[in-house]
Protein backbone atom coordinates (compact mmCIF):
# COMPACT_ATOMS: atom_id res chain seq x y z
CA MET A 1 0.00 0.00 0.00
CA PHE A 2 1.23 3.48 -0.90
CA LYS A 3 0.94 6.21 1.72
CA VAL A 4 0.34 9.87 0.88
CA LYS A 5 0.59 12.58 3.52
CA THR A 6 -1.59 15.64 2.88
CA PHE A 7 -1.23 19.21 4.05
CA ASN A 8 -3.99 21.84 3.72
CA ASN A 9 -7.53 21.04 2.61
CA ILE A 10 -7.21 19.18 -0.68
CA ALA A 11 -10.34 19.17 -2.85
CA GLN A 12 -12.22 15.92 -2.31
CA ILE A 13 -12.34 15.13 -6.02
CA GLY A 14 -8.53 15.05 -5.95
CA LEU A 15 -8.44 12.71 -2.96
CA ASP A 16 -10.98 10.50 -4.71
CA GLN A 17 -8.40 9.77 -7.44
CA PHE A 18 -6.61 7.45 -5.01
CA ASP A 19 -8.07 3.94 -4.79
CA HIS A 20 -8.04 1.43 -1.93
CA SER A 21 -4.35 0.70 -2.47
CA TYR A 22 -3.51 4.15 -1.06
CA GLN A 23 -3.63 5.50 2.45
CA VAL A 24 -4.18 9.25 2.13
CA SER A 25 -4.34 11.38 5.26
CA PRO A 26 -2.72 14.31 7.09
CA ASP A 27 -1.86 11.78 9.82
CA VAL A 28 0.30 9.58 7.59
CA GLU A 29 3.78 8.89 8.95
CA ASP A 30 6.73 7.96 6.70
CA GLY A 31 4.70 8.45 3.53
CA ASP A 32 5.69 7.64 -0.03
CA ALA A 33 4.45 11.02 -1.22
CA ILE A 34 3.24 14.41 -0.05
CA LEU A 35 0.26 16.29 -1.49
CA LEU A 36 -0.14 19.94 -0.52
CA ARG A 37 -1.34 23.37 -1.57
CA SER A 38 0.11 26.39 0.24
CA HIS A 39 1.76 24.77 3.26
CA LYS A 40 5.36 25.96 3.62
CA LEU A 41 7.08 22.59 3.52
CA GLN A 42 10.25 22.27 5.60
CA SER A 43 13.10 19.92 4.68
CA GLU A 44 12.67 17.98 7.92
CA GLU A 45 9.05 17.18 6.97
CA ILE A 46 10.30 15.27 3.94
CA THR A 47 11.01 11.90 5.54
CA ALA A 48 13.36 9.30 4.10
CA GLY A 49 10.62 7.33 2.36
CA VAL A 50 9.17 10.27 0.41
CA LYS A 51 9.59 9.79 -3.33
CA ALA A 52 7.33 12.51 -4.73
CA ILE A 53 5.72 15.79 -3.74
CA GLY A 54 2.63 17.07 -5.54
CA ARG A 55 1.77 20.77 -5.35
CA ALA A 56 -1.90 21.33 -6.17
CA GLY A 57 -1.12 24.62 -7.89
CA ALA A 58 1.30 26.19 -10.32
CA GLY A 59 4.01 27.63 -8.09
CA THR A 60 6.38 25.57 -5.93
CA ASN A 61 8.04 28.35 -3.92
CA ASN A 62 6.67 26.73 -0.75
CA VAL A 63 8.63 23.52 -1.45
CA PRO A 64 12.42 23.15 -0.88
CA VAL A 65 13.03 22.01 -4.45
CA GLU A 66 16.82 22.02 -4.26
CA HIS A 67 16.77 19.76 -1.21
CA CYS A 68 14.31 17.46 -2.98
CA SER A 69 16.57 17.20 -6.02
CA GLU A 70 19.50 16.19 -3.84
CA GLN A 71 17.37 13.43 -2.30
CA GLY A 72 15.92 12.25 -5.62
CA VAL A 73 12.42 13.43 -4.69
CA VAL A 74 10.39 14.43 -7.74
CA VAL A 75 8.40 17.64 -7.26
CA PHE A 76 5.25 18.00 -9.34
CA ASN A 77 3.05 21.03 -9.91
CA ALA A 78 -0.20 21.59 -11.81
CA PRO A 79 0.50 24.13 -14.56
CA GLY A 80 -2.57 25.30 -16.39
CA ALA A 81 -5.05 23.75 -13.98
CA ASN A 82 -5.90 27.16 -12.54
CA ALA A 83 -5.27 29.10 -15.75
CA ASN A 84 -8.91 29.92 -16.47
CA ALA A 85 -9.51 31.19 -12.93
CA VAL A 86 -6.52 33.52 -13.10
CA LYS A 87 -7.41 34.61 -16.63
CA GLU A 88 -10.89 35.66 -15.53
CA LEU A 89 -9.54 37.63 -12.57
CA VAL A 90 -7.02 39.37 -14.82
CA MET A 91 -9.92 40.51 -17.00
CA ALA A 92 -11.66 41.80 -13.88
CA GLY A 93 -8.45 43.60 -12.96
CA LEU A 94 -8.23 45.26 -16.36
CA LEU A 95 -11.80 46.48 -16.08
CA LEU A 96 -11.39 47.64 -12.48
CA GLY A 97 -8.26 49.52 -13.49
CA SER A 98 -9.83 51.28 -16.44
CA ARG A 99 -13.16 52.34 -14.92
CA GLY A 100 -14.06 54.09 -11.68
CA ILE A 101 -15.69 50.94 -10.39
CA VAL A 102 -13.94 50.57 -7.05
CA SER A 103 -14.08 54.25 -6.14
CA GLY A 104 -17.72 54.39 -7.28
CA ILE A 105 -18.67 51.46 -5.06
CA ARG A 106 -16.89 53.03 -2.11
CA TYR A 107 -18.72 56.30 -2.73
CA VAL A 108 -22.11 54.59 -2.81
CA ASP A 109 -21.31 52.65 0.37
CA GLY A 110 -20.71 56.01 2.03
CA LEU A 111 -24.34 57.02 1.34
CA ALA A 112 -25.78 54.29 3.57
CA SER A 113 -27.25 56.87 5.96
CA MET A 114 -29.36 58.54 3.23
CA ASP A 115 -33.00 57.46 3.35
CA ASP A 116 -34.37 59.70 0.57
CA ALA A 117 -34.14 57.74 -2.69
CA ASP A 118 -34.92 60.76 -4.90
CA ALA A 119 -32.26 62.86 -3.21
CA MET A 120 -29.76 60.00 -3.56
CA ASN A 121 -30.47 59.61 -7.28
CA LYS A 122 -30.00 63.34 -7.85
CA LEU A 123 -26.71 63.27 -5.95
CA LEU A 124 -25.46 60.26 -7.90
CA GLU A 125 -26.30 61.89 -11.24
CA LYS A 126 -24.33 64.93 -10.15
CA GLU A 127 -21.30 62.97 -8.83
CA LYS A 128 -20.96 60.14 -11.36
CA LYS A 129 -18.70 62.26 -13.57
CA ASN A 130 -16.03 61.77 -10.89
CA PHE A 131 -15.93 58.05 -11.67
CA LYS A 132 -15.68 58.24 -15.43
CA GLY A 133 -13.16 55.81 -16.90
CA SER A 134 -12.15 54.53 -20.31
CA GLU A 135 -12.87 51.40 -22.31
CA ILE A 136 -10.26 48.70 -22.84
CA GLN A 137 -11.33 48.11 -26.45
CA GLY A 138 -8.64 49.44 -28.75
CA LYS A 139 -6.06 49.68 -25.96
CA THR A 140 -2.81 47.71 -26.09
CA LEU A 141 -2.20 44.96 -23.56
CA GLY A 142 1.37 43.82 -22.98
CA VAL A 143 1.60 40.21 -21.75
CA VAL A 144 4.90 39.29 -20.11
CA GLY A 145 5.09 35.49 -20.01
CA LEU A 146 3.12 33.50 -22.57
CA GLY A 147 2.70 30.18 -20.83
CA ALA A 148 -0.53 28.44 -19.83
CA ILE A 149 -2.04 31.53 -18.23
CA GLY A 150 -0.41 34.28 -20.29
CA SER A 151 -1.50 32.77 -23.60
CA GLN A 152 -5.11 32.53 -22.38
CA VAL A 153 -5.02 36.13 -21.19
CA ALA A 154 -3.63 37.27 -24.55
CA ASN A 155 -6.32 35.43 -26.51
CA MET A 156 -9.05 36.72 -24.20
CA ALA A 157 -7.87 40.31 -24.60
CA LEU A 158 -8.01 39.97 -28.39
CA MET A 159 -11.61 38.79 -28.10
CA MET A 160 -12.35 41.92 -26.05
CA GLY A 161 -11.09 44.10 -28.88
CA MET A 162 -7.69 44.92 -27.42
CA LYS A 163 -4.40 44.93 -29.28
CA VAL A 164 -1.93 42.51 -27.71
CA VAL A 165 1.86 42.46 -27.63
CA GLY A 166 3.76 39.68 -25.89
CA TYR A 167 7.21 38.97 -24.57
CA ASP A 168 8.57 35.59 -23.51
CA PRO A 169 12.11 34.58 -24.47
CA ALA A 170 11.49 31.04 -23.21
CA ILE A 171 8.12 30.33 -24.82
CA SER A 172 7.52 26.63 -25.39
CA ILE A 173 6.29 25.09 -28.62
CA GLU A 174 3.11 24.01 -26.84
CA ALA A 175 2.43 27.55 -25.65
CA ALA A 176 3.17 28.96 -29.10
CA TRP A 177 0.51 26.69 -30.60
CA ARG A 178 -2.05 27.98 -28.08
CA LEU A 179 -1.29 31.61 -28.86
CA SER A 180 -3.20 33.56 -31.50
CA SER A 181 -1.16 34.74 -34.46
CA ASP A 182 -2.60 38.21 -33.82
CA VAL A 183 -0.36 38.60 -30.77
CA LYS A 184 2.61 40.72 -31.80
CA LYS A 185 5.87 39.35 -30.39
CA MET A 186 8.22 41.89 -28.85
CA GLU A 187 11.99 41.40 -28.82
CA SER A 188 12.56 42.77 -25.33
CA LEU A 189 10.78 43.64 -22.11
CA GLU A 190 11.61 47.31 -22.65
CA ALA A 191 9.97 47.28 -26.07
CA LEU A 192 6.81 45.77 -24.61
CA LEU A 193 6.67 48.23 -21.73
CA SER A 194 7.01 51.22 -24.03
CA ASN A 195 4.14 50.09 -26.27
CA ALA A 196 1.50 48.90 -23.79
CA ASP A 197 -1.36 50.75 -22.12
CA PHE A 198 -1.73 47.82 -19.72
CA VAL A 199 1.01 45.37 -18.71
CA THR A 200 0.12 42.01 -17.17
CA LEU A 201 2.69 39.64 -15.68
CA HIS A 202 2.56 35.83 -15.93
CA LEU A 203 5.93 34.49 -14.85
CA PRO A 204 7.27 32.07 -12.23
CA VAL A 205 9.66 33.29 -9.55
CA LEU A 206 13.19 32.52 -10.73
CA ASP A 207 16.51 34.25 -10.25
CA ALA A 208 15.98 35.81 -13.68
CA THR A 209 12.47 37.09 -12.89
CA ARG A 210 12.84 38.26 -9.30
CA ASN A 211 12.27 42.06 -9.26
CA LEU A 212 12.02 42.00 -13.05
CA ILE A 213 9.81 45.07 -12.79
CA ASN A 214 12.15 47.48 -11.04
CA GLN A 215 13.24 51.10 -11.09
CA GLN A 216 15.26 50.59 -14.26
CA SER A 217 12.66 48.65 -16.27
CA LEU A 218 9.92 51.06 -15.21
CA GLN A 219 11.81 53.83 -17.01
CA SER A 220 10.62 52.19 -20.23
CA VAL A 221 6.90 52.16 -19.46
CA LYS A 222 4.53 54.18 -21.56
CA PRO A 223 3.47 57.20 -19.45
CA GLY A 224 0.07 56.63 -17.86
CA SER A 225 0.13 52.86 -18.33
CA LYS A 226 -1.28 50.44 -15.76
CA LEU A 227 0.51 47.43 -14.30
CA VAL A 228 -1.35 44.22 -13.46
CA ASN A 229 0.28 41.49 -11.35
CA PHE A 230 -1.55 38.24 -10.70
CA ALA A 231 1.61 36.14 -10.98
CA ARG A 232 3.91 36.49 -7.98
CA SER A 233 4.74 39.33 -5.61
CA GLU A 234 8.49 38.76 -5.96
CA ILE A 235 8.47 39.68 -9.65
CA VAL A 236 7.77 43.31 -8.78
CA ASP A 237 9.88 45.72 -6.76
CA GLY A 238 7.11 47.32 -4.70
CA ASP A 239 9.12 50.42 -3.77
CA ALA A 240 9.90 51.06 -7.43
CA VAL A 241 6.20 50.76 -8.31
CA VAL A 242 5.23 53.26 -5.60
CA GLU A 243 7.86 55.65 -6.93
CA ALA A 244 6.49 55.26 -10.47
CA LEU A 245 2.95 55.89 -9.21
CA ASP A 246 4.05 58.98 -7.27
CA SER A 247 5.78 60.40 -10.35
CA GLY A 248 2.81 59.65 -12.63
CA LYS A 249 4.85 57.27 -14.76
CA LEU A 250 2.35 54.57 -13.82
CA ALA A 251 -1.34 55.45 -13.58
CA ALA A 252 -2.39 52.40 -11.57
CA TYR A 253 -1.24 49.12 -10.06
CA ILE A 254 -3.67 46.19 -9.79
CA ALA A 255 -2.33 43.18 -7.94
CA ASP A 256 -3.17 40.04 -6.00
CA PHE A 257 -0.37 40.66 -3.48
CA PRO A 258 -0.97 43.46 -0.96
CA LYS A 259 2.01 45.34 0.43
CA PRO A 260 1.75 47.72 3.41
CA ASN A 261 3.06 50.77 1.56
CA MET A 262 0.39 50.39 -1.14
CA ILE A 263 -2.75 49.88 0.93
CA GLY A 264 -5.21 52.78 0.83
CA ARG A 265 -3.84 54.44 -2.30
CA GLU A 266 -6.45 55.58 -4.83
CA ASP A 267 -4.23 54.43 -7.70
CA VAL A 268 -3.77 50.89 -6.34
CA ILE A 269 -6.28 48.02 -6.30
CA LEU A 270 -5.21 45.10 -4.15
CA MET A 271 -6.76 41.66 -3.71
CA PRO A 272 -5.97 38.96 -1.11
CA HIS A 273 -4.22 36.44 -3.40
CA ILE A 274 -7.44 35.02 -4.86
CA GLY A 275 -6.26 34.41 -8.42
CA ALA A 276 -6.79 30.65 -8.21
CA SER A 277 -9.46 30.72 -5.50
CA THR A 278 -12.32 29.09 -7.34
CA GLU A 279 -13.87 25.70 -6.68
CA GLU A 280 -13.08 24.68 -10.25
CA ALA A 281 -9.41 25.66 -10.06
CA GLU A 282 -8.85 23.95 -6.73
CA GLU A 283 -10.48 20.78 -8.04
CA ASN A 284 -8.50 20.83 -11.29
CA CYS A 285 -5.21 21.33 -9.44
CA ALA A 286 -5.96 18.57 -6.93
CA VAL A 287 -6.89 16.07 -9.63
CA MET A 288 -3.81 16.84 -11.72
CA ALA A 289 -1.43 16.61 -8.76
CA ALA A 290 -3.00 13.38 -7.50
CA ASN A 291 -2.85 11.71 -10.90
CA GLN A 292 0.78 12.69 -11.38
CA ILE A 293 1.75 11.27 -7.99
CA GLN A 294 -0.03 8.01 -8.77
CA ASP A 295 1.56 7.60 -12.18
CA TYR A 296 4.98 8.19 -10.69
CA LEU A 297 4.58 5.85 -7.72
CA GLU A 298 3.06 3.06 -9.81
CA ASN A 299 4.83 3.47 -13.17
CA GLY A 300 7.73 5.84 -12.61
CA ASN A 301 6.36 8.26 -15.20
CA ILE A 302 7.12 11.95 -14.72
CA THR A 303 4.86 14.71 -16.04
CA ASN A 304 4.98 18.36 -14.98
CA SER A 305 7.93 18.10 -12.63
CA VAL A 306 9.82 21.26 -11.72
CA ASN A 307 13.10 19.50 -10.97
CA PHE A 308 13.20 16.28 -13.03
CA PRO A 309 12.85 15.80 -16.80
CA MET A 310 9.61 14.69 -18.36
CA ALA A 311 9.76 10.92 -18.82
CA VAL A 312 6.75 8.88 -19.89
CA LEU A 313 7.15 5.32 -21.15
CA GLU A 314 4.31 2.91 -21.90
CA ARG A 315 4.87 -0.22 -19.84
CA SER A 316 6.01 -3.25 -21.84
CA SER A 317 6.84 -5.54 -18.94
CA THR A 318 5.69 -6.49 -15.46
CA TYR A 319 9.05 -5.35 -14.10
CA ARG A 320 10.28 -1.79 -14.38
CA LEU A 321 13.28 -0.02 -12.90
CA SER A 322 13.44 3.70 -12.32
CA VAL A 323 16.85 5.21 -11.68
CA SER A 324 17.49 8.85 -10.86
CA ASN A 325 21.05 10.05 -11.01
CA LYS A 326 23.40 12.94 -11.51
CA ASN A 327 23.71 13.89 -15.16
CA VAL A 328 27.17 12.41 -15.82
CA THR A 329 28.62 10.47 -18.73
CA ASN A 330 28.35 6.69 -19.14
CA MET A 331 25.69 6.33 -16.45
CA LEU A 332 23.30 4.39 -18.67
CA GLY A 333 26.15 2.12 -19.74
CA SER A 334 27.01 1.37 -16.12
CA ILE A 335 23.38 0.52 -15.35
CA THR A 336 22.87 -1.78 -18.33
CA SER A 337 26.23 -3.49 -17.70
CA ILE A 338 25.08 -4.56 -14.24
CA LEU A 339 21.79 -5.83 -15.66
CA ALA A 340 23.67 -7.79 -18.34
CA GLU A 341 26.02 -9.20 -15.72
CA HIS A 342 22.99 -10.71 -13.98
CA GLU A 343 21.42 -11.84 -17.28
CA ILE A 344 18.52 -9.46 -16.98
CA ASN A 345 17.23 -8.63 -20.45
CA VAL A 346 16.20 -5.04 -21.21
CA ILE A 347 12.95 -4.83 -23.18
CA ASP A 348 12.60 -1.06 -23.43
CA LEU A 349 14.16 2.00 -21.86
CA LEU A 350 13.95 5.77 -21.70
CA ASN A 351 16.73 8.13 -20.63
CA ARG A 352 16.12 11.83 -20.07
CA SER A 353 18.12 14.63 -18.47
CA ARG A 354 17.43 18.09 -17.09
CA GLY A 355 20.27 20.26 -15.88
CA ASP A 356 22.30 18.35 -13.32
CA LEU A 357 19.78 15.51 -13.03
CA ALA A 358 18.97 12.53 -15.22
CA TYR A 359 16.28 9.88 -15.05
CA ASN A 360 15.90 6.40 -16.52
CA LEU A 361 12.95 4.09 -16.99
CA ILE A 362 13.98 0.53 -17.85
CA ASP A 363 11.53 -2.29 -18.55
CA VAL A 364 13.16 -5.68 -17.96
CA GLU A 365 12.14 -9.24 -18.74
CA SER A 366 12.70 -10.73 -15.29
CA GLU A 367 12.55 -9.46 -11.73
CA PRO A 368 15.84 -8.03 -10.44
CA SER A 369 16.85 -9.28 -7.01
CA GLN A 370 17.52 -7.00 -4.06
CA ALA A 371 21.21 -7.66 -4.62
CA VAL A 372 20.95 -6.21 -8.13
CA LEU A 373 19.10 -3.16 -6.83
CA ASP A 374 21.76 -2.66 -4.16
CA GLN A 375 24.51 -2.93 -6.77
CA LEU A 376 22.81 -0.32 -8.96
CA GLN A 377 22.56 1.97 -5.95
CA THR A 378 26.31 1.78 -5.44
CA ILE A 379 27.09 3.29 -8.87
CA GLU A 380 28.72 6.66 -8.30
CA GLY A 381 26.20 9.39 -9.12
CA VAL A 382 23.07 7.26 -8.64
CA ILE A 383 20.59 8.99 -6.33
CA ALA A 384 17.69 6.55 -6.12
CA VAL A 385 16.69 3.14 -7.53
CA ARG A 386 13.15 1.76 -7.51
CA LEU A 387 11.62 -1.51 -8.68
CA LEU A 388 8.07 -0.95 -9.93
């Protein structure tokens, strides 16, 4: 029986993916896998038997990925599962940022003590000019990051009559196929910033993206443009944004990540990190993460890992070996030599690498003994060996 330890409240439909051969509970000790949402996972919570961690969401900044890689623990996320939820909130953000919706609502809430409907209507007719905004149709939206969410946002904006420019130096082939040909590709972030009336960010937090929007990059923004951030707080230098707002370089900042120095400003709209907070998104993320954990524990297949390469091999034998190792030369040769030494015939195999890590799936004709597994584990550079 496989054991999966859960943190946070995982959507029931995700938990239902596990059959009777799994024990799934927050009370699991020494589990084979961990399934979580926002819990800040500490290295000491990853016990020796853990082989996989599934994050029911897109980001994995709450998981010690580097430590996991050193231990051969595969970390999965759920890219795209919450894309529609975030896309819809981005559209709301664009509308809130272009019209006097928020200030208008606040004004009306302040009239709660008025009990004369006719007098209220006359007052509103007089004051509504103070909440006049502009339409997004015909405006240019700059999308930074054209992955699962960014590509949906770009396509949605086109449907709303906006012009769209995009920038993503690392766009995947899959993302490119999803993207409308009407999105104009920009060669640099600066070029995008200088051409967009609205800029929306859809990037993970990496060394290359941390504080990507900073004092220097904000010098390139089109005067009066509006910045939308439903990606990650760390991508934006908050002090630099406040400075740009104070100078009038930016007209508004709409974000899902409140910061103390921004709260209460008329030119800032802040939300409590609700981009993926829909029942549908939580269910989609839970199902995807659960299925990925199962496929890895049972078949060794890896899909949507943030630290190991994608490796999916249709099973052609009852016996399968999975070997994770450092990405060094002649590793596969060393593995197959040991199998040959013990007269274990290889039926099919897959070898993939990603950065400093490599991963092998090897279907064999007969069951390797524990002695063979131990010998494979002794190869210099091998991190983990499993018989599936």
